[in-house]
């Protein structure tokens, strides 16, 4: 039996134990399938594998990679691109796993230490967090501004320029108002929070 995700779910190869087994099982399955798909795409694209199939336990273990992605604010492809070459070099004489590294090794405690040290060397001033915040803020802002008319009639340049200036002023004011309300919302991973 293995403790997963820090949310009180224990996994046995036969079943899941948790509150509301059917609900948790469905959500859990969707999360595992999403993670598996993302990792499969990265492995095929970045490592050139044509075939990728994991055991059920390894699929579940891969959720650790998503946890690290959220915890350390680095993309999943960066995590894999950092860890796989290190572990391949270490175990070069044994061809382990589908791409030279077994999944338990890839998601183990030592791998997390490696990730932390690599983040300190590659992002010494916390650029990874700033990039993540900027990306997430832009996503939220573009969702908020979806459907707002952004076109001026440039057949009359002077009026179009004035309309553009007015639109930019309106957008700037709307952005300030949006940021103010977004900062007040308290939830884990809020990109607007000053932390």
N, C-alpha and C. Protein backbone atom coordinates (compact mmCIF):
# COMPACT_ATOMS: atom_id res chain seq x y z
N UNK A 1 0.85 -1.17 0.00
CA UNK A 1 0.00 0.00 0.00
C UNK A 1 0.90 1.23 0.00
N UNK A 2 0.51 2.24 -0.76
CA UNK A 2 1.35 3.41 -0.94
C UNK A 2 0.53 4.67 -0.71
N UNK A 3 1.08 5.62 0.06
CA UNK A 3 0.39 6.87 0.33
C UNK A 3 0.63 7.83 -0.83
N UNK A 4 -0.43 8.42 -1.35
CA UNK A 4 -0.30 9.26 -2.54
C UNK A 4 -0.76 10.69 -2.31
N UNK A 5 -0.10 11.61 -2.97
CA UNK A 5 -0.55 12.98 -3.17
C UNK A 5 -0.74 13.82 -1.92
N UNK A 6 -0.52 13.30 -0.76
CA UNK A 6 -0.71 14.08 0.43
C UNK A 6 -2.17 14.47 0.67
N UNK A 7 -3.11 13.75 0.05
CA UNK A 7 -4.52 14.09 0.24
C UNK A 7 -5.30 12.96 0.87
N UNK A 8 -4.63 12.02 1.48
CA UNK A 8 -5.31 10.98 2.22
C UNK A 8 -5.82 9.84 1.38
N UNK A 9 -5.24 9.57 0.24
CA UNK A 9 -5.66 8.44 -0.57
C UNK A 9 -4.57 7.39 -0.49
N UNK A 10 -4.96 6.19 -0.16
CA UNK A 10 -4.01 5.08 -0.18
C UNK A 10 -4.33 4.24 -1.40
N UNK A 11 -3.31 3.74 -2.06
CA UNK A 11 -3.52 2.97 -3.27
C UNK A 11 -3.02 1.55 -3.07
N UNK A 12 -3.86 0.60 -3.32
CA UNK A 12 -3.46 -0.80 -3.43
C UNK A 12 -3.66 -1.15 -4.90
N UNK A 13 -3.02 -2.17 -5.37
CA UNK A 13 -3.17 -2.52 -6.77
C UNK A 13 -4.60 -2.93 -7.11
N UNK A 14 -5.41 -3.32 -6.12
CA UNK A 14 -6.78 -3.73 -6.40
C UNK A 14 -7.77 -2.57 -6.32
N UNK A 15 -7.58 -1.62 -5.42
CA UNK A 15 -8.62 -0.61 -5.20
C UNK A 15 -8.05 0.64 -4.55
N UNK A 16 -8.86 1.69 -4.55
CA UNK A 16 -8.51 2.93 -3.86
C UNK A 16 -9.28 3.01 -2.57
N UNK A 17 -8.65 3.55 -1.55
CA UNK A 17 -9.33 3.75 -0.28
C UNK A 17 -9.42 5.26 -0.07
N UNK A 18 -10.60 5.77 0.19
CA UNK A 18 -10.75 7.20 0.42
C UNK A 18 -12.19 7.53 0.70
N UNK A 19 -12.45 8.80 0.89
CA UNK A 19 -13.82 9.24 1.14
C UNK A 19 -14.54 9.27 -0.19
N UNK A 20 -15.70 8.68 -0.25
CA UNK A 20 -16.47 8.67 -1.49
C UNK A 20 -15.71 7.96 -2.60
N UNK A 21 -15.48 6.68 -2.44
CA UNK A 21 -14.62 5.93 -3.35
C UNK A 21 -14.93 6.16 -4.82
N UNK A 22 -16.19 6.18 -5.19
CA UNK A 22 -16.52 6.31 -6.61
C UNK A 22 -16.14 7.69 -7.13
N UNK A 23 -16.43 8.74 -6.36
CA UNK A 23 -16.08 10.09 -6.79
C UNK A 23 -14.57 10.23 -6.85
N UNK A 24 -13.89 9.82 -5.80
CA UNK A 24 -12.43 9.94 -5.76
C UNK A 24 -11.80 9.10 -6.85
N UNK A 25 -12.35 7.92 -7.09
CA UNK A 25 -11.80 7.05 -8.11
C UNK A 25 -11.90 7.69 -9.48
N UNK A 26 -13.06 8.30 -9.80
CA UNK A 26 -13.23 8.94 -11.10
C UNK A 26 -12.31 10.14 -11.26
N UNK A 27 -12.23 11.00 -10.26
CA UNK A 27 -11.34 12.16 -10.32
C UNK A 27 -9.89 11.73 -10.40
N UNK A 28 -9.57 10.73 -9.61
CA UNK A 28 -8.20 10.21 -9.58
C UNK A 28 -7.82 9.64 -10.95
N UNK A 29 -8.73 8.88 -11.54
CA UNK A 29 -8.46 8.29 -12.86
C UNK A 29 -8.25 9.37 -13.91
N UNK A 30 -9.07 10.42 -13.87
CA UNK A 30 -8.90 11.51 -14.83
C UNK A 30 -7.54 12.20 -14.65
N UNK A 31 -7.16 12.37 -13.40
CA UNK A 31 -5.88 13.02 -13.14
C UNK A 31 -4.71 12.16 -13.61
N UNK A 32 -4.80 10.86 -13.35
CA UNK A 32 -3.75 9.93 -13.80
C UNK A 32 -3.69 9.92 -15.33
N UNK A 33 -4.85 9.87 -15.99
CA UNK A 33 -4.87 9.84 -17.45
C UNK A 33 -4.30 11.13 -18.04
N UNK A 34 -4.62 12.25 -17.43
CA UNK A 34 -4.09 13.54 -17.90
C UNK A 34 -2.58 13.58 -17.75
N UNK A 35 -2.09 13.16 -16.61
CA UNK A 35 -0.65 13.15 -16.34
C UNK A 35 0.06 12.20 -17.31
N UNK A 36 -0.53 11.02 -17.49
CA UNK A 36 0.06 10.04 -18.40
C UNK A 36 0.17 10.61 -19.82
N UNK A 37 -0.89 11.28 -20.27
CA UNK A 37 -0.89 11.87 -21.61
C UNK A 37 0.16 12.95 -21.77
N UNK A 38 0.28 13.81 -20.76
CA UNK A 38 1.28 14.87 -20.82
C UNK A 38 2.70 14.31 -20.85
N UNK A 39 2.95 13.34 -19.98
CA UNK A 39 4.30 12.76 -19.92
C UNK A 39 4.61 11.99 -21.20
N UNK A 40 3.61 11.28 -21.70
CA UNK A 40 3.81 10.53 -22.96
C UNK A 40 4.17 11.47 -24.10
N UNK A 41 3.48 12.60 -24.21
CA UNK A 41 3.78 13.57 -25.27
C UNK A 41 5.20 14.13 -25.12
N UNK A 42 5.59 14.43 -23.89
CA UNK A 42 6.93 14.98 -23.65
C UNK A 42 7.99 13.94 -23.98
N UNK A 43 7.78 12.71 -23.54
CA UNK A 43 8.77 11.65 -23.77
C UNK A 43 8.92 11.37 -25.26
N UNK A 44 7.81 11.34 -25.98
CA UNK A 44 7.89 11.08 -27.42
C UNK A 44 8.55 12.24 -28.16
N UNK A 45 8.23 13.46 -27.74
CA UNK A 45 8.78 14.64 -28.43
C UNK A 45 10.24 14.89 -28.08
N UNK A 46 10.56 14.86 -26.80
CA UNK A 46 11.89 15.27 -26.36
C UNK A 46 12.91 14.13 -26.31
N UNK A 47 12.44 12.90 -26.11
CA UNK A 47 13.37 11.78 -25.99
C UNK A 47 13.30 10.82 -27.17
N UNK A 48 12.42 11.09 -28.11
CA UNK A 48 12.36 10.33 -29.35
C UNK A 48 11.84 8.91 -29.22
N UNK A 49 11.09 8.61 -28.17
CA UNK A 49 10.51 7.28 -28.04
C UNK A 49 9.26 7.18 -28.89
N UNK A 50 9.11 6.05 -29.55
CA UNK A 50 7.93 5.85 -30.37
C UNK A 50 6.84 5.08 -29.62
N UNK A 51 7.24 4.31 -28.65
CA UNK A 51 6.29 3.49 -27.90
C UNK A 51 6.50 3.76 -26.43
N UNK A 52 5.41 4.00 -25.70
CA UNK A 52 5.50 4.35 -24.28
C UNK A 52 4.34 3.72 -23.57
N UNK A 53 4.59 2.76 -22.71
CA UNK A 53 3.54 2.11 -21.93
C UNK A 53 4.07 1.87 -20.54
N UNK A 54 3.31 2.35 -19.55
CA UNK A 54 3.72 2.19 -18.16
C UNK A 54 2.80 1.22 -17.43
N UNK A 55 3.34 0.63 -16.39
CA UNK A 55 2.49 -0.18 -15.50
C UNK A 55 1.61 0.77 -14.70
N UNK A 56 0.52 0.24 -14.16
CA UNK A 56 -0.44 1.06 -13.42
C UNK A 56 0.23 1.79 -12.24
N UNK A 57 1.07 1.10 -11.49
CA UNK A 57 1.73 1.71 -10.35
C UNK A 57 2.65 2.85 -10.79
N UNK A 58 3.32 2.68 -11.94
CA UNK A 58 4.20 3.73 -12.44
C UNK A 58 3.41 4.95 -12.92
N UNK A 59 2.24 4.70 -13.50
CA UNK A 59 1.39 5.83 -13.91
C UNK A 59 1.02 6.67 -12.70
N UNK A 60 0.69 6.01 -11.61
CA UNK A 60 0.31 6.72 -10.39
C UNK A 60 1.51 7.44 -9.80
N UNK A 61 2.66 6.80 -9.84
CA UNK A 61 3.87 7.45 -9.32
C UNK A 61 4.20 8.72 -10.10
N UNK A 62 3.86 8.75 -11.37
CA UNK A 62 4.16 9.93 -12.20
C UNK A 62 3.42 11.18 -11.73
N UNK A 63 2.39 11.00 -10.92
CA UNK A 63 1.71 12.17 -10.36
C UNK A 63 2.64 13.00 -9.49
N UNK A 64 3.69 12.37 -8.97
CA UNK A 64 4.70 13.11 -8.20
C UNK A 64 5.34 14.21 -9.05
N UNK A 65 5.54 13.92 -10.34
CA UNK A 65 6.13 14.91 -11.23
C UNK A 65 5.23 16.15 -11.34
N UNK A 66 3.92 15.90 -11.41
CA UNK A 66 2.99 17.04 -11.45
C UNK A 66 3.00 17.81 -10.13
N UNK A 67 3.17 17.10 -9.03
CA UNK A 67 3.28 17.78 -7.74
C UNK A 67 4.50 18.71 -7.73
N UNK A 68 5.61 18.21 -8.23
CA UNK A 68 6.82 19.03 -8.27
C UNK A 68 6.64 20.22 -9.20
N UNK A 69 5.92 19.99 -10.29
CA UNK A 69 5.66 21.09 -11.23
C UNK A 69 4.92 22.22 -10.51
N UNK A 70 3.94 21.87 -9.72
CA UNK A 70 3.17 22.87 -8.98
C UNK A 70 3.99 23.46 -7.82
N UNK A 71 4.73 22.62 -7.14
CA UNK A 71 5.48 23.06 -5.96
C UNK A 71 6.64 23.98 -6.32
N UNK A 72 7.40 23.63 -7.35
CA UNK A 72 8.61 24.37 -7.69
C UNK A 72 8.41 25.34 -8.85
N UNK A 73 7.22 25.35 -9.46
CA UNK A 73 6.87 26.28 -10.53
C UNK A 73 7.79 26.16 -11.74
N UNK A 74 8.10 24.93 -12.11
CA UNK A 74 8.86 24.67 -13.33
C UNK A 74 8.03 23.73 -14.20
N UNK A 75 8.17 23.83 -15.52
CA UNK A 75 7.36 22.97 -16.40
C UNK A 75 7.75 21.50 -16.28
N UNK A 76 6.81 20.65 -16.60
CA UNK A 76 7.02 19.20 -16.54
C UNK A 76 8.14 18.76 -17.47
N UNK A 77 8.21 19.35 -18.67
CA UNK A 77 9.27 18.97 -19.61
C UNK A 77 10.65 19.31 -19.03
N UNK A 78 10.76 20.42 -18.27
CA UNK A 78 12.04 20.80 -17.68
C UNK A 78 12.46 19.78 -16.63
N UNK A 79 11.50 19.32 -15.84
CA UNK A 79 11.79 18.33 -14.80
C UNK A 79 12.34 17.06 -15.44
N UNK A 80 11.64 16.57 -16.47
CA UNK A 80 12.10 15.35 -17.14
C UNK A 80 13.43 15.56 -17.84
N UNK A 81 13.60 16.71 -18.49
CA UNK A 81 14.84 16.96 -19.21
C UNK A 81 16.02 17.12 -18.25
N UNK A 82 15.74 17.49 -17.02
CA UNK A 82 16.80 17.62 -16.02
C UNK A 82 17.15 16.27 -15.40
N UNK A 83 16.14 15.50 -15.03
CA UNK A 83 16.39 14.26 -14.29
C UNK A 83 16.86 13.09 -15.17
N UNK A 84 16.26 12.92 -16.33
CA UNK A 84 16.56 11.73 -17.15
C UNK A 84 18.04 11.64 -17.51
N UNK A 85 18.68 12.71 -18.03
CA UNK A 85 20.11 12.58 -18.34
C UNK A 85 20.99 12.26 -17.12
N UNK A 86 20.64 12.83 -15.98
CA UNK A 86 21.43 12.57 -14.76
C UNK A 86 21.34 11.09 -14.39
N UNK A 87 20.12 10.56 -14.37
CA UNK A 87 19.96 9.15 -14.00
C UNK A 87 20.47 8.21 -15.08
N UNK A 88 20.40 8.61 -16.35
CA UNK A 88 20.96 7.78 -17.43
C UNK A 88 22.46 7.64 -17.26
N UNK A 89 23.12 8.77 -16.94
CA UNK A 89 24.57 8.71 -16.75
C UNK A 89 24.93 7.82 -15.57
N UNK A 90 24.15 7.92 -14.51
CA UNK A 90 24.44 7.14 -13.30
C UNK A 90 24.27 5.64 -13.54
N UNK A 91 23.22 5.27 -14.30
CA UNK A 91 22.95 3.86 -14.55
C UNK A 91 23.19 3.51 -16.02
N UNK A 92 24.25 4.04 -16.62
CA UNK A 92 24.50 3.87 -18.05
C UNK A 92 24.69 2.42 -18.45
N UNK A 93 25.31 1.60 -17.59
CA UNK A 93 25.58 0.22 -18.01
C UNK A 93 24.35 -0.67 -17.96
N UNK A 94 23.33 -0.25 -17.22
CA UNK A 94 22.09 -1.03 -17.17
C UNK A 94 21.04 -0.26 -17.96
N UNK A 95 20.45 -0.86 -18.93
CA UNK A 95 19.39 -0.18 -19.67
C UNK A 95 18.09 -0.38 -18.91
N UNK A 96 17.73 0.61 -18.10
CA UNK A 96 16.57 0.48 -17.22
C UNK A 96 15.37 1.21 -17.78
N UNK A 97 14.22 0.60 -17.71
CA UNK A 97 12.98 1.26 -18.08
C UNK A 97 12.90 1.58 -19.55
N UNK A 98 11.86 2.27 -19.92
CA UNK A 98 11.60 2.56 -21.32
C UNK A 98 12.61 3.54 -21.90
N UNK A 99 13.05 4.50 -21.09
CA UNK A 99 14.00 5.47 -21.63
C UNK A 99 15.24 5.60 -20.76
N UNK A 100 15.65 4.48 -20.17
CA UNK A 100 16.90 4.43 -19.43
C UNK A 100 16.79 4.72 -17.95
N UNK A 101 15.60 5.01 -17.46
CA UNK A 101 15.39 5.34 -16.06
C UNK A 101 14.10 4.69 -15.61
N UNK A 102 14.13 4.05 -14.46
CA UNK A 102 12.88 3.50 -13.92
C UNK A 102 12.09 4.61 -13.25
N UNK A 103 10.80 4.50 -13.29
CA UNK A 103 9.92 5.53 -12.74
C UNK A 103 10.12 5.73 -11.23
N UNK A 104 10.24 4.66 -10.43
CA UNK A 104 10.48 4.90 -8.99
C UNK A 104 11.74 5.73 -8.74
N UNK A 105 12.77 5.53 -9.54
CA UNK A 105 13.99 6.32 -9.42
C UNK A 105 13.71 7.76 -9.81
N UNK A 106 12.94 7.94 -10.87
CA UNK A 106 12.64 9.27 -11.40
C UNK A 106 11.83 10.12 -10.43
N UNK A 107 11.00 9.49 -9.60
CA UNK A 107 10.14 10.25 -8.70
C UNK A 107 10.55 10.11 -7.23
N UNK A 108 11.73 9.61 -6.99
CA UNK A 108 12.19 9.38 -5.63
C UNK A 108 12.67 10.64 -4.93
N UNK A 109 13.03 10.48 -3.67
CA UNK A 109 13.48 11.61 -2.84
C UNK A 109 14.77 12.23 -3.38
N UNK A 110 15.67 11.40 -3.87
CA UNK A 110 16.93 11.91 -4.42
C UNK A 110 16.67 12.76 -5.66
N UNK A 111 15.69 12.37 -6.46
CA UNK A 111 15.34 13.17 -7.64
C UNK A 111 14.81 14.54 -7.23
N UNK A 112 14.05 14.58 -6.15
CA UNK A 112 13.55 15.87 -5.68
C UNK A 112 14.71 16.76 -5.21
N UNK A 113 15.69 16.17 -4.57
CA UNK A 113 16.88 16.93 -4.18
C UNK A 113 17.60 17.48 -5.40
N UNK A 114 17.71 16.65 -6.42
CA UNK A 114 18.36 17.08 -7.67
C UNK A 114 17.60 18.25 -8.28
N UNK A 115 16.27 18.14 -8.30
CA UNK A 115 15.44 19.22 -8.85
C UNK A 115 15.68 20.52 -8.07
N UNK A 116 15.67 20.43 -6.76
CA UNK A 116 15.89 21.63 -5.94
C UNK A 116 17.25 22.26 -6.23
N UNK A 117 18.28 21.43 -6.31
CA UNK A 117 19.62 21.99 -6.56
C UNK A 117 19.73 22.58 -7.97
N UNK A 118 19.10 21.92 -8.95
CA UNK A 118 19.13 22.45 -10.32
C UNK A 118 18.36 23.76 -10.43
N UNK A 119 17.27 23.87 -9.69
CA UNK A 119 16.50 25.12 -9.69
C UNK A 119 17.36 26.24 -9.11
N UNK A 120 18.09 25.93 -8.03
CA UNK A 120 18.95 26.96 -7.43
C UNK A 120 20.06 27.40 -8.38
N UNK A 121 20.59 26.47 -9.18
CA UNK A 121 21.67 26.86 -10.10
C UNK A 121 21.13 27.52 -11.37
N UNK A 122 20.03 27.00 -11.92
CA UNK A 122 19.52 27.55 -13.19
C UNK A 122 18.64 28.78 -13.01
N UNK A 123 17.98 28.89 -11.86
CA UNK A 123 17.11 30.04 -11.59
C UNK A 123 17.50 30.65 -10.24
N UNK A 124 18.68 31.26 -10.13
CA UNK A 124 19.15 31.72 -8.83
C UNK A 124 18.30 32.84 -8.22
N UNK A 125 17.66 33.64 -9.04
CA UNK A 125 16.86 34.76 -8.52
C UNK A 125 15.37 34.48 -8.57
N UNK A 126 14.99 33.22 -8.69
CA UNK A 126 13.58 32.87 -8.69
C UNK A 126 12.87 33.20 -9.99
N UNK A 127 13.60 33.16 -11.11
CA UNK A 127 13.00 33.47 -12.40
C UNK A 127 11.87 32.51 -12.74
N UNK A 128 11.99 31.27 -12.29
CA UNK A 128 10.95 30.28 -12.58
C UNK A 128 9.61 30.70 -11.99
N UNK A 129 9.63 31.26 -10.78
CA UNK A 129 8.39 31.70 -10.14
C UNK A 129 7.84 32.93 -10.85
N UNK A 130 8.73 33.86 -11.22
CA UNK A 130 8.27 35.05 -11.93
C UNK A 130 7.68 34.70 -13.29
N UNK A 131 8.31 33.77 -14.00
CA UNK A 131 7.79 33.35 -15.31
C UNK A 131 6.43 32.67 -15.13
N UNK A 132 6.32 31.82 -14.12
CA UNK A 132 5.04 31.14 -13.87
C UNK A 132 3.96 32.16 -13.56
N UNK A 133 4.26 33.13 -12.68
CA UNK A 133 3.27 34.15 -12.32
C UNK A 133 2.84 34.93 -13.55
N UNK A 134 3.77 35.34 -14.37
CA UNK A 134 3.44 36.12 -15.57
C UNK A 134 2.56 35.30 -16.52
N UNK A 135 2.90 34.02 -16.69
CA UNK A 135 2.12 33.15 -17.58
C UNK A 135 0.69 32.99 -17.07
N UNK A 136 0.57 32.70 -15.77
CA UNK A 136 -0.76 32.49 -15.18
C UNK A 136 -1.58 33.78 -15.16
N UNK A 137 -0.94 34.90 -14.86
CA UNK A 137 -1.65 36.17 -14.87
C UNK A 137 -2.17 36.49 -16.27
N UNK A 138 -1.34 36.24 -17.27
CA UNK A 138 -1.77 36.50 -18.65
C UNK A 138 -2.93 35.59 -19.05
N UNK A 139 -2.89 34.33 -18.62
CA UNK A 139 -4.00 33.41 -18.91
C UNK A 139 -5.30 33.93 -18.31
N UNK A 140 -5.23 34.32 -17.05
CA UNK A 140 -6.44 34.80 -16.38
C UNK A 140 -6.94 36.09 -17.01
N UNK A 141 -6.02 37.00 -17.34
CA UNK A 141 -6.43 38.27 -17.94
C UNK A 141 -7.05 38.04 -19.31
N UNK A 142 -6.48 37.18 -20.11
CA UNK A 142 -7.03 36.94 -21.46
C UNK A 142 -8.39 36.25 -21.37
N UNK A 143 -8.59 35.37 -20.37
CA UNK A 143 -9.91 34.77 -20.17
C UNK A 143 -10.93 35.82 -19.77
N UNK A 144 -10.50 36.75 -18.93
CA UNK A 144 -11.39 37.82 -18.47
C UNK A 144 -11.76 38.74 -19.62
N UNK A 145 -10.80 39.03 -20.50
CA UNK A 145 -11.03 39.97 -21.60
C UNK A 145 -11.53 39.29 -22.87
N UNK A 146 -11.82 38.02 -22.81
CA UNK A 146 -12.31 37.28 -23.98
C UNK A 146 -13.60 37.91 -24.49
N UNK A 147 -13.71 38.13 -25.77
CA UNK A 147 -14.94 38.65 -26.35
C UNK A 147 -15.04 40.16 -26.35
N UNK A 148 -14.04 40.87 -25.82
CA UNK A 148 -14.06 42.33 -25.84
C UNK A 148 -13.57 42.77 -27.21
N UNK A 149 -14.29 43.68 -27.83
CA UNK A 149 -13.91 44.16 -29.16
C UNK A 149 -12.57 44.87 -29.14
N UNK A 150 -11.66 44.45 -29.98
CA UNK A 150 -10.30 45.00 -29.97
C UNK A 150 -9.91 45.61 -31.32
N UNK A 151 -10.87 45.98 -32.14
CA UNK A 151 -10.52 46.45 -33.48
C UNK A 151 -11.00 47.88 -33.68
N UNK A 152 -10.17 48.64 -34.34
CA UNK A 152 -10.53 49.99 -34.75
C UNK A 152 -10.61 50.02 -36.28
N UNK A 153 -11.35 50.94 -36.79
CA UNK A 153 -11.46 51.11 -38.23
C UNK A 153 -10.32 52.01 -38.69
N UNK A 154 -9.31 51.43 -39.31
CA UNK A 154 -8.12 52.19 -39.70
C UNK A 154 -8.25 52.86 -41.06
N UNK A 155 -9.45 52.87 -41.62
CA UNK A 155 -9.62 53.62 -42.88
C UNK A 155 -9.55 55.12 -42.60
N UNK A 156 -9.84 55.52 -41.35
CA UNK A 156 -9.69 56.92 -40.91
C UNK A 156 -8.66 56.92 -39.78
N UNK A 157 -7.38 57.13 -40.13
CA UNK A 157 -6.30 56.97 -39.14
C UNK A 157 -6.41 57.85 -37.89
N UNK A 158 -6.83 59.08 -38.02
CA UNK A 158 -6.90 59.96 -36.85
C UNK A 158 -7.94 59.47 -35.85
N UNK A 159 -9.11 59.13 -36.31
CA UNK A 159 -10.14 58.63 -35.39
C UNK A 159 -9.75 57.27 -34.83
N UNK A 160 -9.11 56.45 -35.66
CA UNK A 160 -8.67 55.13 -35.19
C UNK A 160 -7.62 55.28 -34.09
N UNK A 161 -6.72 56.24 -34.24
CA UNK A 161 -5.69 56.45 -33.22
C UNK A 161 -6.32 56.92 -31.91
N UNK A 162 -7.30 57.81 -32.00
CA UNK A 162 -7.99 58.27 -30.79
C UNK A 162 -8.76 57.12 -30.14
N UNK A 163 -9.43 56.31 -30.95
CA UNK A 163 -10.16 55.16 -30.42
C UNK A 163 -9.21 54.18 -29.74
N UNK A 164 -8.05 54.00 -30.37
CA UNK A 164 -7.05 53.11 -29.80
C UNK A 164 -6.56 53.62 -28.45
N UNK A 165 -6.29 54.93 -28.36
CA UNK A 165 -5.85 55.52 -27.09
C UNK A 165 -6.91 55.35 -26.02
N UNK A 166 -8.17 55.61 -26.38
CA UNK A 166 -9.26 55.46 -25.42
C UNK A 166 -9.40 54.01 -24.98
N UNK A 167 -9.28 53.10 -25.93
CA UNK A 167 -9.39 51.68 -25.59
C UNK A 167 -8.26 51.26 -24.66
N UNK A 168 -7.05 51.76 -24.91
CA UNK A 168 -5.91 51.42 -24.05
C UNK A 168 -6.12 51.96 -22.64
N UNK A 169 -6.64 53.18 -22.52
CA UNK A 169 -6.92 53.73 -21.19
C UNK A 169 -7.97 52.90 -20.47
N UNK A 170 -9.04 52.53 -21.18
CA UNK A 170 -10.08 51.69 -20.58
C UNK A 170 -9.51 50.35 -20.15
N UNK A 171 -8.69 49.78 -21.01
CA UNK A 171 -8.10 48.47 -20.69
C UNK A 171 -7.16 48.56 -19.49
N UNK A 172 -6.38 49.63 -19.41
CA UNK A 172 -5.46 49.82 -18.29
C UNK A 172 -6.24 49.93 -16.98
N UNK A 173 -7.32 50.71 -17.00
CA UNK A 173 -8.15 50.84 -15.80
C UNK A 173 -8.80 49.51 -15.44
N UNK A 174 -9.28 48.79 -16.44
CA UNK A 174 -9.89 47.49 -16.19
C UNK A 174 -8.87 46.51 -15.63
N UNK A 175 -7.64 46.57 -16.12
CA UNK A 175 -6.59 45.68 -15.64
C UNK A 175 -6.27 45.97 -14.17
N UNK A 176 -6.19 47.25 -13.81
CA UNK A 176 -5.91 47.61 -12.42
C UNK A 176 -7.02 47.10 -11.51
N UNK A 177 -8.25 47.29 -11.94
CA UNK A 177 -9.40 46.82 -11.16
C UNK A 177 -9.39 45.29 -11.05
N UNK A 178 -9.09 44.62 -12.16
CA UNK A 178 -9.02 43.16 -12.16
C UNK A 178 -7.93 42.66 -11.22
N UNK A 179 -6.75 43.28 -11.28
CA UNK A 179 -5.64 42.87 -10.40
C UNK A 179 -6.01 43.06 -8.94
N UNK A 180 -6.67 44.17 -8.63
CA UNK A 180 -7.06 44.44 -7.25
C UNK A 180 -7.99 43.34 -6.72
N UNK A 181 -8.98 42.97 -7.51
CA UNK A 181 -9.90 41.92 -7.06
C UNK A 181 -9.22 40.56 -7.05
N UNK A 182 -8.32 40.31 -8.00
CA UNK A 182 -7.63 39.01 -8.05
C UNK A 182 -6.70 38.83 -6.85
N UNK A 183 -6.09 39.90 -6.38
CA UNK A 183 -5.21 39.81 -5.21
C UNK A 183 -5.99 39.45 -3.95
N UNK A 184 -7.25 39.88 -3.88
CA UNK A 184 -8.07 39.61 -2.70
C UNK A 184 -8.54 38.16 -2.63
N UNK A 185 -8.57 37.49 -3.74
CA UNK A 185 -9.03 36.10 -3.75
C UNK A 185 -7.95 35.23 -3.13
N UNK A 186 -8.33 34.47 -2.15
CA UNK A 186 -7.37 33.63 -1.46
C UNK A 186 -7.54 32.19 -1.92
N UNK A 187 -6.55 31.67 -2.61
CA UNK A 187 -6.51 30.27 -2.97
C UNK A 187 -5.06 29.88 -3.22
N UNK A 188 -4.81 28.60 -3.10
CA UNK A 188 -3.45 28.10 -3.28
C UNK A 188 -3.03 28.29 -4.73
N UNK A 189 -1.87 28.84 -4.94
CA UNK A 189 -1.35 29.02 -6.29
C UNK A 189 -1.88 30.26 -6.97
N UNK A 190 -2.34 31.26 -6.20
CA UNK A 190 -2.83 32.50 -6.79
C UNK A 190 -1.63 33.28 -7.35
N UNK A 191 -1.56 33.49 -8.67
CA UNK A 191 -0.39 34.18 -9.24
C UNK A 191 -0.38 35.67 -8.93
N UNK A 192 -1.46 36.21 -8.42
CA UNK A 192 -1.53 37.63 -8.12
C UNK A 192 -1.05 37.94 -6.70
N UNK A 193 -0.94 36.92 -5.87
CA UNK A 193 -0.53 37.17 -4.47
C UNK A 193 0.94 37.62 -4.46
N UNK A 194 1.28 38.52 -3.53
CA UNK A 194 2.64 39.10 -3.52
C UNK A 194 3.74 38.16 -3.03
N UNK A 195 3.43 37.01 -2.46
CA UNK A 195 4.43 36.11 -1.89
C UNK A 195 5.53 35.73 -2.81
